[in-house]
C-alpha atoms as a PDB file:
ATOM      1  CA  UNK A   1      -1.464  39.373 -70.117  1.00  0.00           C
ATOM      2  CA  UNK A   2      -0.990  39.965 -66.540  1.00  0.00           C
ATOM      3  CA  UNK A   3      -3.380  37.251 -65.441  1.00  0.00           C
ATOM      4  CA  UNK A   4      -1.788  34.711 -67.881  1.00  0.00           C
ATOM      5  CA  UNK A   5       1.765  35.583 -66.393  1.00  0.00           C
ATOM      6  CA  UNK A   6       0.398  35.482 -62.906  1.00  0.00           C
ATOM      7  CA  UNK A   7      -1.041  31.860 -63.441  1.00  0.00           C
ATOM      8  CA  UNK A   8       2.333  30.668 -64.992  1.00  0.00           C
ATOM      9  CA  UNK A   9       4.359  31.824 -62.080  1.00  0.00           C
ATOM     10  CA  UNK A  10       1.699  30.237 -59.609  1.00  0.00           C
ATOM     11  CA  UNK A  11       2.253  26.676 -61.952  1.00  0.00           C
ATOM     12  CA  UNK A  12       5.880  26.965 -61.748  1.00  0.00           C
ATOM     13  CA  UNK A  13       6.100  27.514 -58.087  1.00  0.00           C
ATOM     14  CA  UNK A  14       3.727  24.380 -57.534  1.00  0.00           C
ATOM     15  CA  UNK A  15       5.940  22.281 -59.561  1.00  0.00           C
ATOM     16  CA  UNK A  16       9.082  23.483 -57.417  1.00  0.00           C
ATOM     17  CA  UNK A  17       7.393  22.530 -54.227  1.00  0.00           C
ATOM     18  CA  UNK A  18       6.128  19.394 -55.364  1.00  0.00           C
ATOM     19  CA  UNK A  19       9.896  18.477 -56.481  1.00  0.00           C
ATOM     20  CA  UNK A  20      11.312  19.686 -53.183  1.00  0.00           C
ATOM     21  CA  UNK A  21      11.810  18.483 -49.776  1.00  0.00           C
ATOM     22  CA  UNK A  22      11.363  20.612 -46.451  1.00  0.00           C
ATOM     23  CA  UNK A  23      14.183  20.315 -44.009  1.00  0.00           C
ATOM     24  CA  UNK A  24      14.285  22.017 -40.664  1.00  0.00           C
ATOM     25  CA  UNK A  25      17.608  22.826 -39.251  1.00  0.00           C
ATOM     26  CA  UNK A  26      18.321  23.371 -35.534  1.00  0.00           C
ATOM     27  CA  UNK A  27      17.960  27.214 -35.843  1.00  0.00           C
ATOM     28  CA  UNK A  28      14.510  26.702 -36.829  1.00  0.00           C
ATOM     29  CA  UNK A  29      15.171  27.805 -40.499  1.00  0.00           C
ATOM     30  CA  UNK A  30      12.853  25.856 -43.386  1.00  0.00           C
ATOM     31  CA  UNK A  31      15.120  24.946 -46.421  1.00  0.00           C
ATOM     32  CA  UNK A  32      13.911  23.744 -49.700  1.00  0.00           C
ATOM     33  CA  UNK A  33      16.058  21.093 -51.255  1.00  0.00           C
ATOM     34  CA  UNK A  34      15.567  19.708 -54.564  1.00  0.00           C
ATOM     35  CA  UNK A  35      15.330  15.850 -54.843  1.00  0.00           C
ATOM     36  CA  UNK A  36      16.427  15.690 -58.344  1.00  0.00           C
ATOM     37  CA  UNK A  37      19.615  17.996 -57.665  1.00  0.00           C
ATOM     38  CA  UNK A  38      20.832  16.646 -54.462  1.00  0.00           C
ATOM     39  CA  UNK A  39      19.441  13.102 -54.669  1.00  0.00           C
ATOM     40  CA  UNK A  40      20.158  11.091 -51.283  1.00  0.00           C
ATOM     41  CA  UNK A  41      23.207  13.563 -50.306  1.00  0.00           C
ATOM     42  CA  UNK A  42      21.133  16.441 -49.483  1.00  0.00           C
ATOM     43  CA  UNK A  43      21.239  15.737 -45.638  1.00  0.00           C
ATOM     44  CA  UNK A  44      24.848  15.316 -45.795  1.00  0.00           C
ATOM     45  CA  UNK A  45      25.624  18.552 -47.674  1.00  0.00           C
ATOM     46  CA  UNK A  46      23.241  20.799 -45.458  1.00  0.00           C
ATOM     47  CA  UNK A  47      24.773  19.241 -42.272  1.00  0.00           C
ATOM     48  CA  UNK A  48      28.283  19.969 -43.658  1.00  0.00           C
ATOM     49  CA  UNK A  49      27.099  23.639 -44.435  1.00  0.00           C
ATOM     50  CA  UNK A  50      25.260  24.246 -41.119  1.00  0.00           C
ATOM     51  CA  UNK A  51      27.580  22.166 -38.976  1.00  0.00           C
ATOM     52  CA  UNK A  52      24.633  20.559 -37.272  1.00  0.00           C
ATOM     53  CA  UNK A  53      22.718  17.287 -37.676  1.00  0.00           C
ATOM     54  CA  UNK A  54      19.431  17.732 -39.142  1.00  0.00           C
ATOM     55  CA  UNK A  55      18.110  14.099 -38.297  1.00  0.00           C
ATOM     56  CA  UNK A  56      18.335  12.375 -34.871  1.00  0.00           C
ATOM     57  CA  UNK A  57      17.483   8.864 -34.619  1.00  0.00           C
ATOM     58  CA  UNK A  58      15.014   8.339 -31.574  1.00  0.00           C
ATOM     59  CA  UNK A  59      15.651   5.512 -29.520  1.00  0.00           C
ATOM     60  CA  UNK A  60      12.781   3.096 -29.461  1.00  0.00           C
ATOM     61  CA  UNK A  61      11.523   1.547 -26.269  1.00  0.00           C
ATOM     62  CA  UNK A  62       9.838  -1.855 -26.248  1.00  0.00           C
ATOM     63  CA  UNK A  63       6.202  -1.695 -25.807  1.00  0.00           C
ATOM     64  CA  UNK A  64       6.408  -4.565 -23.218  1.00  0.00           C
ATOM     65  CA  UNK A  65       8.552  -2.796 -20.958  1.00  0.00           C
ATOM     66  CA  UNK A  66       6.230   0.055 -20.987  1.00  0.00           C
ATOM     67  CA  UNK A  67       2.773  -2.190 -20.431  1.00  0.00           C
ATOM     68  CA  UNK A  68       5.232  -3.779 -17.566  1.00  0.00           C
ATOM     69  CA  UNK A  69       5.574  -0.322 -15.574  1.00  0.00           C
ATOM     70  CA  UNK A  70       2.100   1.132 -16.216  1.00  0.00           C
ATOM     71  CA  UNK A  71      -0.044  -2.139 -16.257  1.00  0.00           C
ATOM     72  CA  UNK A  72      -1.623  -3.776 -13.190  1.00  0.00           C
ATOM     73  CA  UNK A  73       0.660  -5.606 -10.892  1.00  0.00           C
ATOM     74  CA  UNK A  74       0.657  -9.517 -11.570  1.00  0.00           C
ATOM     75  CA  UNK A  75      -0.420 -11.808  -8.803  1.00  0.00           C
ATOM     76  CA  UNK A  76       0.263 -15.492  -8.162  1.00  0.00           C
ATOM     77  CA  UNK A  77      -2.707 -17.684  -7.261  1.00  0.00           C
ATOM     78  CA  UNK A  78      -2.431 -19.149  -3.586  1.00  0.00           C
ATOM     79  CA  UNK A  79      -2.311 -23.041  -3.494  1.00  0.00           C
ATOM     80  CA  UNK A  80      -3.567 -23.529   0.044  1.00  0.00           C
ATOM     81  CA  UNK A  81      -4.832 -19.905   0.838  1.00  0.00           C
ATOM     82  CA  UNK A  82      -3.298 -19.990   4.462  1.00  0.00           C
ATOM     83  CA  UNK A  83      -2.557 -16.341   5.656  1.00  0.00           C
ATOM     84  CA  UNK A  84       0.954 -15.400   7.010  1.00  0.00           C
ATOM     85  CA  UNK A  85       1.071 -11.747   6.850  1.00  0.00           C
ATOM     86  CA  UNK A  86      -1.024  -8.855   6.538  1.00  0.00           C
ATOM     87  CA  UNK A  87       0.042  -5.282   5.690  1.00  0.00           C
ATOM     88  CA  UNK A  88      -1.879  -2.295   6.439  1.00  0.00           C
ATOM     89  CA  UNK A  89      -0.863   1.120   4.905  1.00  0.00           C
ATOM     90  CA  UNK A  90      -2.574   4.575   5.798  1.00  0.00           C
ATOM     91  CA  UNK A  91      -1.874   8.052   4.339  1.00  0.00           C
ATOM     92  CA  UNK A  92      -3.484  11.664   3.848  1.00  0.00           C
ATOM     93  CA  UNK A  93      -2.340  11.505   0.022  1.00  0.00           C
ATOM     94  CA  UNK A  94      -4.175   8.852  -2.138  1.00  0.00           C
ATOM     95  CA  UNK A  95      -1.724   9.142  -4.761  1.00  0.00           C
ATOM     96  CA  UNK A  96       1.278   8.088  -2.690  1.00  0.00           C
ATOM     97  CA  UNK A  97      -0.913   5.470  -0.981  1.00  0.00           C
ATOM     98  CA  UNK A  98      -2.035   3.658  -4.133  1.00  0.00           C
ATOM     99  CA  UNK A  99       1.504   3.960  -5.726  1.00  0.00           C
ATOM    100  CA  UNK A 100       3.174   2.131  -2.805  1.00  0.00           C
ATOM    101  CA  UNK A 101       0.428  -0.580  -2.624  1.00  0.00           C
ATOM    102  CA  UNK A 102       1.115  -1.520  -6.291  1.00  0.00           C
ATOM    103  CA  UNK A 103       4.834  -1.462  -5.364  1.00  0.00           C
ATOM    104  CA  UNK A 104       4.055  -3.998  -2.601  1.00  0.00           C
ATOM    105  CA  UNK A 105       2.162  -6.212  -4.869  1.00  0.00           C
ATOM    106  CA  UNK A 106       4.906  -6.260  -7.484  1.00  0.00           C
ATOM    107  CA  UNK A 107       7.559  -7.035  -4.608  1.00  0.00           C
ATOM    108  CA  UNK A 108       5.441 -10.066  -3.800  1.00  0.00           C
ATOM    109  CA  UNK A 109       4.971 -11.131  -7.283  1.00  0.00           C
ATOM    110  CA  UNK A 110       8.920 -10.754  -7.806  1.00  0.00           C
ATOM    111  CA  UNK A 111       9.435 -12.845  -4.556  1.00  0.00           C
ATOM    112  CA  UNK A 112       6.992 -15.658  -5.737  1.00  0.00           C
ATOM    113  CA  UNK A 113       4.498 -14.976  -2.833  1.00  0.00           C
ATOM    114  CA  UNK A 114       0.910 -15.278  -3.436  1.00  0.00           C
ATOM    115  CA  UNK A 115      -0.825 -11.834  -2.625  1.00  0.00           C
ATOM    116  CA  UNK A 116      -4.341 -10.707  -2.448  1.00  0.00           C
ATOM    117  CA  UNK A 117      -5.823  -7.511  -4.227  1.00  0.00           C
ATOM    118  CA  UNK A 118      -6.142  -4.356  -2.629  1.00  0.00           C
ATOM    119  CA  UNK A 119      -8.341  -4.120   0.260  1.00  0.00           C
ATOM    120  CA  UNK A 120     -10.091  -0.759   0.627  1.00  0.00           C
ATOM    121  CA  UNK A 121     -10.532   0.090   4.535  1.00  0.00           C
ATOM    122  CA  UNK A 122     -13.028   2.643   5.685  1.00  0.00           C
ATOM    123  CA  UNK A 123     -11.717   6.309   5.417  1.00  0.00           C
ATOM    124  CA  UNK A 124     -11.175   8.242   8.622  1.00  0.00           C
ATOM    125  CA  UNK A 125     -12.571  11.742   8.573  1.00  0.00           C
ATOM    126  CA  UNK A 126     -11.789  14.176  10.997  1.00  0.00           C
ATOM    127  CA  UNK A 127     -13.125  17.873  11.193  1.00  0.00           C
ATOM    128  CA  UNK A 128     -11.971  20.948  13.311  1.00  0.00           C
ATOM    129  CA  UNK A 129     -14.397  24.046  13.677  1.00  0.00           C
ATOM    130  CA  UNK A 130     -11.921  27.169  14.375  1.00  0.00           C
ATOM    131  CA  UNK A 131     -12.554  30.689  14.528  1.00  0.00           C
ATOM    132  CA  UNK A 132     -12.201  32.262  11.073  1.00  0.00           C
ATOM    133  CA  UNK A 133     -10.691  35.614  12.637  1.00  0.00           C
ATOM    134  CA  UNK A 134      -9.029  36.670  15.862  1.00  0.00           C
ATOM    135  CA  UNK A 135     -11.363  39.788  15.951  1.00  0.00           C
ATOM    136  CA  UNK A 136     -13.270  40.065  19.364  1.00  0.00           C
ATOM    137  CA  UNK A 137     -16.703  40.392  17.596  1.00  0.00           C
ATOM    138  CA  UNK A 138     -16.193  37.502  14.846  1.00  0.00           C
ATOM    139  CA  UNK A 139     -19.101  35.724  13.798  1.00  0.00           C
ATOM    140  CA  UNK A 140     -17.829  33.069  11.495  1.00  0.00           C
ATOM    141  CA  UNK A 141     -16.398  29.656  12.044  1.00  0.00           C
ATOM    142  CA  UNK A 142     -14.113  27.504   9.448  1.00  0.00           C
ATOM    143  CA  UNK A 143     -14.158  23.950   9.194  1.00  0.00           C
ATOM    144  CA  UNK A 144     -10.924  21.810   8.492  1.00  0.00           C
ATOM    145  CA  UNK A 145     -11.034  18.339   7.230  1.00  0.00           C
ATOM    146  CA  UNK A 146      -8.466  15.836   7.329  1.00  0.00           C
ATOM    147  CA  UNK A 147      -9.077  12.201   5.870  1.00  0.00           C
ATOM    148  CA  UNK A 148      -7.186   9.330   6.270  1.00  0.00           C
ATOM    149  CA  UNK A 149      -7.149   6.514   3.509  1.00  0.00           C
ATOM    150  CA  UNK A 150      -6.465   3.175   4.274  1.00  0.00           C
ATOM    151  CA  UNK A 151      -5.396   0.134   2.424  1.00  0.00           C
ATOM    152  CA  UNK A 152      -4.797  -3.769   3.298  1.00  0.00           C
ATOM    153  CA  UNK A 153      -2.635  -6.394   1.535  1.00  0.00           C
ATOM    154  CA  UNK A 154      -2.552 -10.141   2.596  1.00  0.00           C
ATOM    155  CA  UNK A 155       0.299 -12.393   1.909  1.00  0.00           C
ATOM    156  CA  UNK A 156      -0.564 -16.144   1.548  1.00  0.00           C
ATOM    157  CA  UNK A 157       1.172 -19.694   1.499  1.00  0.00           C
ATOM    158  CA  UNK A 158       4.921 -18.226   2.288  1.00  0.00           C
ATOM    159  CA  UNK A 159       7.451 -19.439   4.737  1.00  0.00           C
ATOM    160  CA  UNK A 160       8.438 -17.275   7.801  1.00  0.00           C
ATOM    161  CA  UNK A 161      11.947 -16.671   6.170  1.00  0.00           C
ATOM    162  CA  UNK A 162      10.296 -15.309   3.153  1.00  0.00           C
ATOM    163  CA  UNK A 163       8.140 -13.212   5.011  1.00  0.00           C
ATOM    164  CA  UNK A 164      10.691 -11.582   7.024  1.00  0.00           C
ATOM    165  CA  UNK A 165      12.802 -10.776   3.978  1.00  0.00           C
ATOM    166  CA  UNK A 166       9.696  -9.356   2.430  1.00  0.00           C
ATOM    167  CA  UNK A 167       8.748  -7.104   5.447  1.00  0.00           C
ATOM    168  CA  UNK A 168      12.298  -5.915   5.874  1.00  0.00           C
ATOM    169  CA  UNK A 169      12.559  -4.658   2.163  1.00  0.00           C
ATOM    170  CA  UNK A 170       9.356  -3.061   2.357  1.00  0.00           C
ATOM    171  CA  UNK A 171       9.801  -1.072   5.485  1.00  0.00           C
ATOM    172  CA  UNK A 172      13.183  -0.072   4.074  1.00  0.00           C
ATOM    173  CA  UNK A 173      11.293   1.769   1.041  1.00  0.00           C
ATOM    174  CA  UNK A 174       8.379   3.155   2.530  1.00  0.00           C
ATOM    175  CA  UNK A 175       8.001   6.562   1.102  1.00  0.00           C
ATOM    176  CA  UNK A 176       7.500   9.726   3.265  1.00  0.00           C
ATOM    177  CA  UNK A 177       3.763  10.442   4.027  1.00  0.00           C
ATOM    178  CA  UNK A 178       2.893   6.728   4.030  1.00  0.00           C
ATOM    179  CA  UNK A 179       2.476   4.705   7.593  1.00  0.00           C
ATOM    180  CA  UNK A 180       2.839   1.068   7.516  1.00  0.00           C
ATOM    181  CA  UNK A 181       2.279  -1.821  10.202  1.00  0.00           C
ATOM    182  CA  UNK A 182       2.115  -5.386   9.669  1.00  0.00           C
ATOM    183  CA  UNK A 183       0.927  -8.605  11.494  1.00  0.00           C
ATOM    184  CA  UNK A 184       2.466 -11.926  10.849  1.00  0.00           C
ATOM    185  CA  UNK A 185       1.004 -15.180  11.356  1.00  0.00           C
ATOM    186  CA  UNK A 186       2.947 -18.449  12.594  1.00  0.00           C
ATOM    187  CA  UNK A 187       1.629 -21.876  12.805  1.00  0.00           C
ATOM    188  CA  UNK A 188       2.572 -24.950  14.860  1.00  0.00           C
ATOM    189  CA  UNK A 189       1.684 -28.522  14.982  1.00  0.00           C
ATOM    190  CA  UNK A 190      -1.064 -29.769  17.417  1.00  0.00           C
ATOM    191  CA  UNK A 191       0.013 -30.630  20.757  1.00  0.00           C
ATOM    192  CA  UNK A 192       2.892 -27.822  20.570  1.00  0.00           C
ATOM    193  CA  UNK A 193       1.750 -26.534  23.921  1.00  0.00           C
ATOM    194  CA  UNK A 194       2.510 -29.814  25.737  1.00  0.00           C
ATOM    195  CA  UNK A 195       6.161 -29.621  24.727  1.00  0.00           C
ATOM    196  CA  UNK A 196       6.599 -26.297  25.991  1.00  0.00           C
ATOM    197  CA  UNK A 197       8.261 -26.242  29.450  1.00  0.00           C
ATOM    198  CA  UNK A 198       7.206 -23.168  31.726  1.00  0.00           C
ATOM    199  CA  UNK A 199       9.224 -22.413  35.150  1.00  0.00           C
ATOM    200  CA  UNK A 200       7.783 -22.528  38.519  1.00  0.00           C
ATOM    201  CA  UNK A 201       8.519 -18.763  39.004  1.00  0.00           C
ATOM    202  CA  UNK A 202       6.679 -17.854  35.614  1.00  0.00           C
ATOM    203  CA  UNK A 203       3.891 -20.099  36.716  1.00  0.00           C
ATOM    204  CA  UNK A 204       3.463 -18.305  40.014  1.00  0.00           C
ATOM    205  CA  UNK A 205       3.415 -15.033  38.188  1.00  0.00           C
ATOM    206  CA  UNK A 206       0.589 -16.098  35.909  1.00  0.00           C
ATOM    207  CA  UNK A 207      -1.234 -17.447  38.859  1.00  0.00           C
ATOM    208  CA  UNK A 208      -1.201 -13.995  40.545  1.00  0.00           C
ATOM    209  CA  UNK A 209      -2.224 -12.165  37.338  1.00  0.00           C
ATOM    210  CA  UNK A 210      -4.901 -14.605  36.892  1.00  0.00           C
ATOM    211  CA  UNK A 211      -6.368 -14.089  40.682  1.00  0.00           C
ATOM    212  CA  UNK A 212      -6.372 -10.391  39.921  1.00  0.00           C
ATOM    213  CA  UNK A 213      -8.481 -10.675  36.995  1.00  0.00           C
ATOM    214  CA  UNK A 214     -12.352 -10.450  37.530  1.00  0.00           C
ATOM    215  CA  UNK A 215     -14.377 -13.896  37.685  1.00  0.00           C
ATOM    216  CA  UNK A 216     -15.811 -15.064  34.666  1.00  0.00           C
ATOM    217  CA  UNK A 217     -19.685 -15.972  34.668  1.00  0.00           C
ATOM    218  CA  UNK A 218     -18.674 -19.747  34.875  1.00  0.00           C
ATOM    219  CA  UNK A 219     -16.625 -19.179  37.984  1.00  0.00           C
ATOM    220  CA  UNK A 220     -19.452 -17.160  39.577  1.00  0.00           C
ATOM    221  CA  UNK A 221     -21.660 -19.989  38.896  1.00  0.00           C
ATOM    222  CA  UNK A 222     -19.635 -22.547  40.519  1.00  0.00           C
ATOM    223  CA  UNK A 223     -19.035 -20.269  43.424  1.00  0.00           C
ATOM    224  CA  UNK A 224     -22.839 -20.037  43.897  1.00  0.00           C
ATOM    225  CA  UNK A 225     -23.117 -23.653  43.837  1.00  0.00           C
ATOM    226  CA  UNK A 226     -20.693 -24.212  46.656  1.00  0.00           C
ATOM    227  CA  UNK A 227     -22.079 -21.662  48.647  1.00  0.00           C
ATOM    228  CA  UNK A 228     -25.578 -23.250  48.171  1.00  0.00           C
ATOM    229  CA  UNK A 229     -24.022 -26.720  49.003  1.00  0.00           C
ATOM    230  CA  UNK A 230     -22.420 -25.457  52.308  1.00  0.00           C
ATOM    231  CA  UNK A 231     -25.536 -23.598  53.523  1.00  0.00           C
ATOM    232  CA  UNK A 232     -27.597 -27.250  52.597  1.00  0.00           C
ATOM    233  CA  UNK A 233     -25.226 -28.717  55.184  1.00  0.00           C
ATOM    234  CA  UNK A 234     -25.439 -26.081  57.921  1.00  0.00           C
ATOM    235  CA  UNK A 235     -28.255 -23.765  57.300  1.00  0.00           C
ATOM    236  CA  UNK A 236     -27.507 -21.608  60.616  1.00  0.00           C
ATOM    237  CA  UNK A 237     -23.873 -20.888  58.961  1.00  0.00           C
ATOM    238  CA  UNK A 238     -23.236 -17.245  58.058  1.00  0.00           C
ATOM    239  CA  UNK A 239     -23.498 -16.865  54.428  1.00  0.00           C
ATOM    240  CA  UNK A 240     -20.916 -14.014  54.295  1.00  0.00           C
ATOM    241  CA  UNK A 241     -18.154 -15.981  56.056  1.00  0.00           C
ATOM    242  CA  UNK A 242     -18.842 -18.972  53.835  1.00  0.00           C
ATOM    243  CA  UNK A 243     -18.975 -16.657  50.425  1.00  0.00           C
ATOM    244  CA  UNK A 244     -15.413 -15.156  51.647  1.00  0.00           C
ATOM    245  CA  UNK A 245     -13.846 -18.525  52.034  1.00  0.00           C
ATOM    246  CA  UNK A 246     -14.960 -19.920  48.969  1.00  0.00           C
ATOM    247  CA  UNK A 247     -13.840 -16.790  47.008  1.00  0.00           C
ATOM    248  CA  UNK A 248     -10.524 -16.782  48.683  1.00  0.00           C
ATOM    249  CA  UNK A 249     -10.147 -20.586  47.840  1.00  0.00           C
ATOM    250  CA  UNK A 250     -10.958 -19.848  44.238  1.00  0.00           C
ATOM    251  CA  UNK A 251      -8.538 -16.976  43.748  1.00  0.00           C
ATOM    252  CA  UNK A 252      -5.519 -19.190  45.469  1.00  0.00           C
ATOM    253  CA  UNK A 253      -6.263 -21.999  43.050  1.00  0.00           C
ATOM    254  CA  UNK A 254      -4.438 -22.125  39.693  1.00  0.00           C
ATOM    255  CA  UNK A 255      -6.645 -21.555  36.784  1.00  0.00           C
END
């Protein structure tokens, strides 16, 4: 008799659970509401009774925007492959360095500038061996190591104005802990040097600087030939005096 009653109660509870809906309120309470009795208004009735919203609609973020943030930076293919700028970054923190490298590549893509991939430069390792303790009879040393990571990015086929705006924006947004240096390349037409005029005062300064520079192997060969020619004309002449005269003439002449 007891077992039959227990079975009927179990079947009845199973039917109630099948025809009911589990709703969790903001207080963490689990409420069973019958679908047959309330129908589609059970959430509204419970919301009015508890004074809270039971269901919140989450904002859906488009997957394209997520992929654009976390995906690899897009790059434009160069048309001529002429390098106009090189940006070198270095940092002790690898996470910050890689993050800003991707930021620079995205800036170049936004400004329609062909950009190379990330060039991994050699990592500089520095070690210091120091005393582990100030104790007078210490017998142990401790080694500290610091690693400087480096990356290089190259910009190609861009105008000088675009490169200047690009570098200005990138330098303004450099995060703390990341060092940056840039190198720009400018190209001129063939024969541009002939159109450049140099003052006489500047030319004299250049000649003075050139005179102080050590002679090249070609200059030494020419001076030796001049000394040999003078000795061939006058074998009894003093070789030291001839050498000094030729060296002084070579230094006074503009190169």
